[in-house]
Protein backbone atom coordinates (compact mmCIF):
# COMPACT_ATOMS: atom_id res chain seq x y z
CA MET A 1 -20.17 5.66 20.04
CA LEU A 2 -21.02 8.25 17.40
CA SER A 3 -24.33 10.06 17.45
CA VAL A 4 -26.66 9.57 14.49
CA ARG A 5 -25.85 13.09 13.25
CA LYS A 6 -22.08 12.66 13.56
CA ARG A 7 -22.24 9.33 11.73
CA LYS A 8 -24.34 10.84 8.93
CA ILE A 9 -22.00 13.81 8.51
CA LEU A 10 -18.97 11.52 8.52
CA CYS A 11 -20.47 9.16 5.92
CA LEU A 12 -21.49 12.07 3.68
CA LEU A 13 -17.96 13.44 3.86
CA VAL A 14 -16.37 10.07 3.07
CA ALA A 15 -18.73 9.48 0.14
CA ARG A 16 -17.98 12.90 -1.35
CA TYR A 17 -14.23 12.51 -0.84
CA ILE A 18 -14.29 9.09 -2.54
CA GLU A 19 -16.06 10.70 -5.51
CA THR A 20 -13.97 13.88 -5.83
CA ALA A 21 -10.57 13.15 -4.18
CA GLU A 22 -10.78 16.74 -2.87
CA PRO A 23 -11.00 17.87 0.78
CA VAL A 24 -14.64 18.33 1.80
CA SER A 25 -15.93 21.61 3.27
CA SER A 26 -18.84 22.26 5.60
CA SER A 27 -20.77 23.81 2.70
CA ASP A 28 -20.37 20.53 0.76
CA ILE A 29 -21.86 18.64 3.70
CA LYS A 30 -24.72 21.15 4.00
CA ALA A 31 -25.56 20.65 0.30
CA ASP A 32 -25.64 16.86 0.72
CA TYR A 33 -27.31 16.63 4.13
CA GLY A 34 -30.86 16.45 2.81
CA GLU A 35 -32.57 18.29 5.69
CA GLU A 36 -32.27 21.59 7.51
CA ILE A 37 -29.03 21.99 9.45
CA SER A 38 -26.97 25.08 10.18
CA SER A 39 -23.46 25.60 8.89
CA ALA A 40 -22.32 26.31 12.46
CA THR A 41 -23.61 22.90 13.61
CA ILE A 42 -21.81 21.14 10.76
CA ARG A 43 -18.55 22.97 11.52
CA SER A 44 -18.85 22.03 15.18
CA GLU A 45 -19.49 18.34 14.36
CA LEU A 46 -16.60 18.26 11.88
CA ALA A 47 -14.26 19.69 14.53
CA LYS A 48 -15.37 17.05 17.03
CA LEU A 49 -14.96 14.25 14.46
CA GLU A 50 -11.44 15.52 13.81
CA GLU A 51 -10.66 15.52 17.54
CA MET A 52 -11.94 11.93 17.73
CA GLY A 53 -9.59 10.85 14.95
CA TYR A 54 -12.13 10.22 12.18
CA LEU A 55 -11.06 13.19 10.04
CA MET A 56 -7.97 15.25 9.33
CA GLN A 57 -7.32 18.62 7.74
CA PRO A 58 -4.46 18.54 5.19
CA HIS A 59 -4.09 22.35 5.34
CA VAL A 60 -5.41 24.96 7.75
CA SER A 61 -7.64 26.62 5.16
CA ALA A 62 -8.68 23.39 3.43
CA GLY A 63 -11.64 21.13 4.01
CA ARG A 64 -11.30 17.77 5.73
CA VAL A 65 -10.51 14.24 4.53
CA PRO A 66 -11.23 10.90 6.21
CA THR A 67 -8.68 8.91 8.17
CA ALA A 68 -8.54 5.11 8.12
CA LYS A 69 -10.73 5.21 11.23
CA GLY A 70 -13.29 7.29 9.35
CA TYR A 71 -13.33 4.91 6.40
CA LYS A 72 -14.02 2.00 8.73
CA VAL A 73 -17.17 3.71 10.02
CA PHE A 74 -18.22 4.32 6.42
CA VAL A 75 -17.87 0.66 5.34
CA GLU A 76 -20.06 -0.34 8.29
CA SER A 77 -22.86 1.74 6.73
CA ILE A 78 -22.79 -0.13 3.40
CA PRO A 79 -25.89 -2.34 3.09
CA THR A 80 -25.15 -6.07 3.10
CA GLU A 81 -27.76 -6.49 0.39
CA GLY A 82 -27.92 -3.93 -2.37
CA GLY A 83 -29.04 -3.30 -5.90
CA MET A 84 -27.16 -4.06 -9.07
CA LEU A 85 -24.64 -1.61 -10.46
CA PRO A 86 -24.28 -1.36 -14.26
CA ALA A 87 -20.85 -2.96 -13.92
CA VAL A 88 -22.38 -5.89 -12.04
CA ALA A 89 -25.15 -6.33 -14.60
CA ASP A 90 -22.49 -6.77 -17.30
CA MET A 91 -20.43 -9.28 -15.28
CA ARG A 92 -22.34 -12.32 -16.53
CA GLU A 93 -21.81 -11.43 -20.19
CA TYR A 94 -18.16 -10.48 -19.63
CA LEU A 95 -17.29 -13.68 -17.78
CA ASP A 96 -19.15 -15.83 -20.29
CA ARG A 97 -17.26 -14.26 -23.20
CA LYS A 98 -13.83 -14.16 -21.60
CA MET A 99 -13.91 -17.74 -20.33
CA ASP A 100 -13.97 -18.95 -23.93
CA GLU A 101 -10.92 -16.81 -24.67
CA VAL A 102 -8.83 -17.48 -21.58
CA GLY A 103 -10.04 -20.95 -20.62
CA ASP A 104 -9.44 -20.46 -16.90
CA VAL A 105 -12.23 -19.50 -14.52
CA ILE A 106 -9.97 -18.14 -11.80
CA ARG A 107 -7.69 -16.03 -13.99
CA THR A 108 -10.72 -14.69 -15.85
CA THR A 109 -12.42 -13.84 -12.55
CA ALA A 110 -9.34 -11.87 -11.41
CA LYS A 111 -9.40 -9.91 -14.68
CA LEU A 112 -13.14 -9.31 -14.34
CA LEU A 113 -12.75 -8.07 -10.77
CA SER A 114 -10.00 -5.63 -11.75
CA ASP A 115 -11.88 -4.37 -14.82
CA THR A 116 -15.19 -3.80 -13.02
CA THR A 117 -13.76 -2.13 -9.90
CA ASN A 118 -10.88 -0.28 -11.64
CA TYR A 119 -8.58 -1.41 -8.84
CA THR A 120 -6.00 -4.16 -8.44
CA SER A 121 -7.48 -7.59 -7.77
CA VAL A 122 -6.09 -10.73 -6.17
CA ILE A 123 -7.53 -14.25 -6.12
CA VAL A 124 -6.22 -16.93 -3.74
CA VAL A 125 -7.32 -20.52 -4.36
CA LYS A 126 -6.67 -22.94 -1.51
CA ASN A 127 -6.64 -26.76 -1.20
CA ILE A 128 -5.73 -27.25 -4.86
CA GLY A 129 -4.49 -30.78 -4.18
CA GLU A 130 -7.99 -31.91 -3.17
CA VAL A 131 -9.76 -31.06 -6.42
CA LEU A 132 -11.42 -33.86 -8.36
CA VAL A 133 -10.68 -34.43 -12.03
CA ARG A 134 -13.97 -34.52 -13.92
CA ASP A 135 -12.95 -34.78 -17.55
CA VAL A 136 -9.83 -35.15 -19.70
CA ARG A 137 -9.78 -34.23 -23.37
CA LEU A 138 -7.04 -34.84 -25.94
CA VAL A 139 -6.77 -32.78 -29.12
CA ASP A 140 -4.36 -33.81 -31.88
CA ILE A 141 -2.31 -30.74 -32.89
CA GLY A 142 0.01 -32.53 -35.30
CA GLN A 143 3.74 -33.43 -35.23
CA ASN A 144 3.02 -36.30 -32.80
CA LYS A 145 1.73 -33.94 -30.11
CA ALA A 146 -1.61 -33.51 -28.38
CA LEU A 147 -3.19 -30.74 -26.33
CA VAL A 148 -4.47 -32.01 -22.97
CA ILE A 149 -7.37 -30.18 -21.31
CA ILE A 150 -8.08 -31.21 -17.71
CA ILE A 151 -11.35 -30.05 -16.16
CA THR A 152 -11.71 -30.18 -12.37
CA ASP A 153 -14.73 -29.92 -10.09
CA SER A 154 -13.78 -26.32 -9.32
CA GLY A 155 -14.18 -25.43 -12.95
CA ILE A 156 -10.49 -24.65 -13.40
CA LEU A 157 -9.11 -25.70 -16.78
CA LYS A 158 -5.48 -26.78 -16.94
CA ASP A 159 -3.79 -27.61 -20.21
CA CYS A 160 -0.43 -28.94 -21.35
CA ILE A 161 1.15 -30.28 -24.54
CA ILE A 162 2.22 -33.95 -24.50
CA ASP A 163 4.16 -36.17 -26.91
CA LEU A 164 2.43 -39.03 -28.73
CA PRO A 165 3.96 -42.25 -30.02
CA ALA A 166 4.83 -41.92 -33.71
CA ASP A 167 2.23 -42.82 -36.36
CA MET A 168 -0.68 -43.32 -33.98
CA GLY A 169 -4.02 -42.40 -35.58
CA ASN A 170 -7.23 -40.89 -34.23
CA THR A 171 -8.43 -44.27 -33.00
CA TYR A 172 -5.45 -44.42 -30.63
CA LEU A 173 -6.17 -40.93 -29.31
CA ASN A 174 -9.89 -41.55 -28.86
CA THR A 175 -9.26 -44.84 -27.07
CA ALA A 176 -6.69 -43.15 -24.80
CA MET A 177 -9.20 -40.40 -23.97
CA GLU A 178 -11.90 -42.95 -23.07
CA LEU A 179 -9.40 -44.81 -20.88
CA LEU A 180 -8.27 -41.63 -19.13
CA ASN A 181 -11.81 -40.63 -18.27
CA ARG A 182 -12.67 -44.08 -16.94
CA MET A 183 -9.61 -43.97 -14.68
CA PHE A 184 -9.52 -40.26 -13.76
CA SER A 185 -13.13 -39.14 -13.48
CA MET A 186 -14.07 -37.99 -9.94
CA HIS A 187 -10.67 -38.91 -8.46
CA THR A 188 -8.03 -36.70 -6.81
CA VAL A 189 -4.46 -36.61 -8.10
CA GLU A 190 -3.29 -38.95 -5.34
CA GLU A 191 -6.01 -41.46 -6.18
CA ILE A 192 -5.15 -41.26 -9.88
CA LYS A 193 -1.46 -41.93 -9.17
CA GLU A 194 -2.37 -45.09 -7.27
CA LEU A 195 -4.59 -46.26 -10.12
CA VAL A 196 -1.87 -45.70 -12.71
CA ASP A 197 0.69 -47.57 -10.61
CA HIS A 198 -1.50 -50.65 -10.98
CA VAL A 199 -2.27 -50.24 -14.68
CA GLU A 200 -2.96 -53.55 -16.40
CA ASP A 201 -0.88 -54.99 -19.24
CA GLU A 202 -3.54 -54.48 -21.89
CA ILE A 203 -3.38 -50.68 -21.45
CA ALA A 204 0.38 -50.47 -21.10
CA GLN A 205 0.68 -48.87 -24.55
CA TYR A 206 -1.00 -45.75 -23.15
CA LYS A 207 1.40 -45.54 -20.19
CA MET A 208 3.48 -42.80 -21.84
CA ILE A 209 0.45 -40.51 -22.10
CA LEU A 210 -0.63 -41.34 -18.56
CA ASP A 211 2.80 -40.55 -17.11
CA GLN A 212 2.95 -37.15 -18.83
CA ILE A 213 -0.51 -36.16 -17.61
CA ILE A 214 0.28 -37.34 -14.07
CA THR A 215 3.43 -35.18 -14.10
CA SER A 216 1.35 -32.16 -15.13
CA LEU A 217 -1.23 -32.84 -12.39
CA GLU A 218 1.49 -33.27 -9.76
CA ARG A 219 2.97 -29.87 -10.61
CA TYR A 220 -0.49 -28.40 -10.17
CA GLN A 221 -1.12 -30.26 -6.91
CA ASN A 222 2.24 -29.40 -5.34
CA ARG A 223 1.54 -25.68 -5.43
CA ASN A 224 -1.19 -26.25 -2.80
CA GLN A 225 -2.58 -22.81 -3.57
CA GLU A 226 -2.71 -20.45 -6.51
CA VAL A 227 -2.40 -16.65 -6.38
CA ILE A 228 -3.53 -14.51 -9.31
CA ILE A 229 -3.01 -10.72 -9.34
CA GLU A 230 -4.53 -8.50 -12.02
CA GLY A 231 -4.49 -4.76 -12.73
CA THR A 232 -1.50 -3.63 -10.67
CA SER A 233 -0.94 -0.76 -13.11
CA ARG A 234 -4.37 0.65 -12.17
CA LEU A 235 -2.79 2.00 -8.98
CA LEU A 236 -0.97 4.52 -11.18
CA ASP A 237 -4.34 6.07 -12.04
CA VAL A 238 -5.18 6.89 -8.40
CA PRO A 239 -4.95 10.70 -8.02
CA GLU A 240 -3.36 10.67 -4.55
CA TYR A 241 -0.69 8.22 -5.72
CA GLN A 242 0.03 10.38 -8.77
CA GLU A 243 0.52 13.45 -6.60
CA GLU A 244 2.64 11.66 -3.97
CA ALA A 245 4.30 8.51 -5.30
CA ASP A 246 5.60 7.66 -1.82
CA ARG A 247 2.02 7.00 -0.68
CA MET A 248 1.83 4.04 -3.06
CA ARG A 249 4.82 2.25 -1.50
CA GLY A 250 2.82 0.63 1.30
CA VAL A 251 0.38 -0.90 -1.17
CA MET A 252 3.08 -1.99 -3.63
CA SER A 253 5.11 -3.63 -0.87
CA ILE A 254 2.09 -5.83 -0.07
CA ILE A 255 1.58 -6.78 -3.73
CA ASP A 256 5.29 -7.50 -4.23
CA HIS A 257 5.32 -10.00 -1.34
CA LYS A 258 2.90 -12.70 -2.43
CA GLU A 259 3.14 -14.68 0.82
CA LEU A 260 2.12 -11.63 2.86
CA LEU A 261 -0.64 -10.78 0.38
CA THR A 262 -1.93 -14.37 0.43
CA ASP A 263 -2.09 -14.30 4.23
CA MET A 264 -3.97 -11.00 4.21
CA VAL A 265 -6.47 -12.10 1.56
CA GLY A 266 -7.05 -15.64 2.84
CA ASP A 267 -6.80 -15.24 6.61
CA GLY A 268 -10.48 -15.50 7.46
CA GLU A 269 -13.82 -17.12 6.86
CA LEU A 270 -15.85 -13.90 6.86
CA GLU A 271 -18.10 -13.24 3.90
CA LEU A 272 -16.62 -9.73 3.64
CA SER A 273 -13.54 -8.33 5.34
CA PHE A 274 -12.01 -4.83 5.31
CA LYS A 275 -8.41 -3.85 5.99
CA ILE A 276 -7.90 -0.10 5.90
CA GLY A 277 -4.75 1.87 6.67
CA LYS A 278 -1.51 1.37 8.53
CA ASP A 279 -3.04 -0.23 11.64
CA ASP A 280 -4.45 -3.00 9.43
CA GLY A 281 -1.11 -3.57 7.71
CA ILE A 282 -1.67 -1.67 4.45
CA GLU A 283 -0.35 1.89 4.80
CA ASN A 284 -2.16 4.47 2.63
CA GLY A 285 -4.25 1.70 1.13
CA SER A 286 -7.13 -0.67 1.66
CA LEU A 287 -8.01 -4.27 0.94
CA VAL A 288 -11.55 -5.63 0.69
CA THR A 289 -11.85 -9.43 0.56
CA ALA A 290 -14.61 -11.99 0.14
CA THR A 291 -14.56 -15.75 0.71
CA TYR A 292 -16.34 -18.21 -1.56
CA ARG A 293 -16.57 -21.99 -1.61
CA ILE A 294 -16.51 -23.60 -5.06
CA ASN A 295 -17.00 -27.15 -3.82
CA ASP A 296 -16.82 -29.15 -0.59
CA ASN A 297 -13.04 -28.85 -0.30
CA GLN A 298 -11.92 -25.77 -2.16
CA GLN A 299 -12.09 -22.15 -1.10
CA VAL A 300 -11.51 -19.06 -3.21
CA HIS A 301 -10.62 -15.74 -1.60
CA ALA A 302 -11.11 -12.68 -3.80
CA GLY A 303 -9.65 -9.31 -2.90
CA VAL A 304 -9.61 -5.76 -4.26
CA ILE A 305 -6.64 -3.52 -3.45
CA GLY A 306 -6.72 0.24 -3.77
CA PRO A 307 -6.33 3.53 -1.93
CA GLU A 308 -8.02 4.29 1.37
CA ARG A 309 -10.30 6.44 -0.79
CA MET A 310 -11.75 3.32 -2.44
CA ASP A 311 -15.27 3.22 -3.85
CA TYR A 312 -16.31 0.72 -1.17
CA ARG A 313 -19.99 0.57 -2.16
CA LYS A 314 -19.12 -0.43 -5.72
CA VAL A 315 -16.50 -2.95 -4.62
CA VAL A 316 -18.80 -4.57 -2.05
CA THR A 317 -21.65 -4.84 -4.55
CA ILE A 318 -19.38 -6.50 -7.12
CA LEU A 319 -17.83 -8.91 -4.63
CA LYS A 320 -21.25 -9.93 -3.30
CA ASN A 321 -22.52 -10.68 -6.82
CA LEU A 322 -19.34 -12.41 -8.01
CA GLU A 323 -20.02 -15.88 -6.58
CA THR A 324 -23.48 -16.12 -8.16
CA THR A 325 -22.11 -14.97 -11.51
CA ILE A 326 -19.25 -17.48 -11.51
CA LYS A 327 -21.50 -20.39 -10.59
CA SER A 328 -24.01 -19.43 -13.26
CA VAL A 329 -21.37 -19.35 -16.00
CA MET A 330 -19.72 -22.56 -14.78
CA ASP A 331 -23.07 -24.38 -14.82
CA ASP A 332 -23.68 -23.26 -18.41
CA LYS A 333 -20.18 -24.28 -19.51
CA GLU A 334 -20.63 -27.68 -17.90
CA ASP A 335 -23.87 -28.21 -19.82
């Protein structure tokens, strides 16, 4: 157990190191401490924290930097409920605007998470096969082809291009769309396949469209889960990785192996989870994850990957506000 003073000194050092990426001296701690404390006391506490494995000294004459163990104490001090950062306040507007451009809630969320944290983000969506189709829309794009937009209860939009029978007018397309929504609405892919297998003779002329859409849905369902990674190049901007490229290898090896990354991001039910350093499987790096539930069946796991010297307060604040922001935008889009 750390004393109150040791914990405060450690957290001040971690916070300053996150901000500056420079080893922290006892005079830095004294300036940040906020109450009277002697330099000798700070030096003594720093030495003890180093002996206990919370800090290390890169060079004899340099200040100290946190170890993975030190970062873990720091993240415990982050309030579970906090105020809004400027980046968080802009999330609603960003997501609202980008969803119209990208047309995919999950991919847009990954981009948002990377842009607002300035780190690499990863989104893992599980139980894809259990989503319910809510709406199907067909848009004539000419040359006997139509754009299909499939909206699920998780808010994910999936589109594909299908072939149309020659010389079929708008009436055909509108009737097909009405039929699709009567058959598909609030059913899973498996349920839809069973319905189509028993399609009646009077709607047989739409069977070609049905078969193509079912094929598209099956490809979606068979993946079981979806993994989206955004902002990998942001790791190149991390000062410690620029100075020593070898330090980035542990993080890159995780990102390059999607199965391993998926397991690390989606391995728990905790609202927030921290993996920091080699002992947690991410050498010279850290991974902060959050778990959300979009509907009764489907979970989304969002993660932020960066150096051990991550701005944890910012990342935690953004992750904690992400679910509310997504649901707000999705509700508006549905209306």
